[in-house]
Amino acid sequence: MRVLLVGAGGVGTAITRIAARRDFFDHFVVADYDLARAEAAVAALDDSAGRFTARRIDASDQAAVAALLTEERCDVLLNATDPRFVMPLFEAALAAESHYMDMAMSLSRPHPALPYAECGVKLGDEQFARAEAWEKSGRLALVGMGVEPGLSDVFARYAADELFDEIEEIGIRDGANLTVEGHDFAPSFNIWTTIEECLNPPVVWERERGWFTTEPFSEPEVFDFPDGIGPVECVNVEHEEVLLVPRWVDARRVTFKYGLGEDFIGKLKTLHALGLDSTEPVTVRGADGAPVRVSPRDVVAACLPDPATLGERMSGKTCAGTWVKGTKDGRAREVYLYHVVDNRWSMREYGSQAVVWQTAVNPVVALELMAGGVWARAGVLGPEAFAPRPFLDLLTAYGSPWGVREQG
């Protein structure tokens, strides 16, 4: 297998460090708009066999990406950029007759009149609209294959296959007790994506209603996370699992709730009130007095520390998981399937902070399953479309076990 990895930021760099310890692939081309960043990711590896090379690419240039895939004879494009670049990369892979994988799906657009009641364009709609073309190509576009979405979706399918006869609700619950020394506000993941998913109308699925939206930060609940993290207040947030899980798993209700914390929610609301969450460029004066067009959200991102650089100052654990409620053998059952990463461990073992490492390990596991023909289908498919047990077994073999906790 030859892989084109687009994006050499925190998650992309962690992907290279995890993949470097595996032997399922022949070559990784690590490409980024900033060639120096791609070169740094490759230089940091113990790669005497020359399995990694760096290239420059503009992820928005569909034709250039397709040409690079062809030139490098890549079997799959792994997208480690932010969601703005999903569609050009997705289409480039199809044009080059390569497989495709991402960790976040095509962007949503709120309903113009009823944003907090009805869906507009949903996450992934643009990709699923191209499913027939992918099926005809015989290639796989595996979408939403990070940790959330990704591993959380695998948990949902595993629960349906092995733990429940009927499922009332599937709820993704994400929480952490991470702190960053020296920073009052330092998000542990890409702030551009965090603003997008937290301030957009959250989507909920119910069998009787289908997909609908609600107010941001709605339906707060306190969820008790394992491994010493403890109780964290979680709220509704827009996320891909709610759009993916119901396509392959039968459940009455599907939700996603994120443990953000009161302070973080307050800052996001302030950004929104000031218009600093906007992606529409505004005109400002540059240092030389000349007008410059800039996106307020990009300015916010530029003012905050790069999440990939926070590992040395970070402490605590992050937990991603799927809570499932239903029946088994005629009895009520409630479980939480989860994956916890301790920042101290991920920094010691890989030099990557916990959140980016937890995101990065899952696409590498999926690539290995694709390379071995274990996960092999054509079309635009989520993780739920595949047998979960091989994935979970291989994740454990990577040295990162998962758990199941009976609730109540």
Foldseek 3Di string as FASTA:
>chain_A
DEEEEEDLAQLNLLLCLLCLVDDLDQAYEYEYQPQVSSVVSVVVDPCPVHRYHYDYDDLQPLVVLLVVCQVRVGQEYEYPDDQVSQVSNVVSCLVNLHAYEYQFFHAADADPPCRAWAGDRAGRNVQQVCFVSFQVSQHEYAYNCFQFRNVQLLQLLCCQVPPAVAFAEKEKEKDWDKDFPPDPDADLDQVLNVLRFQQGFFWKAFPVPGITTHHGFPDWDWDQDDDPRGTAIWGFTHGCCRVANVVQGDYRIYTYIYRQDPVRVVVSVVCVVVVLSFQAWDWDADPVRDIDTGRSVVVVSVVHDRSFPRLVRMFIKIKIWMWIWDHDPRHTWIKIKMFMDTSVVCCVPRVGGHPSSSRNVRVSLVVSCVSVVQDRGTGHHYPSVHNSVSSQVVCVVSVGHIDMGTDD
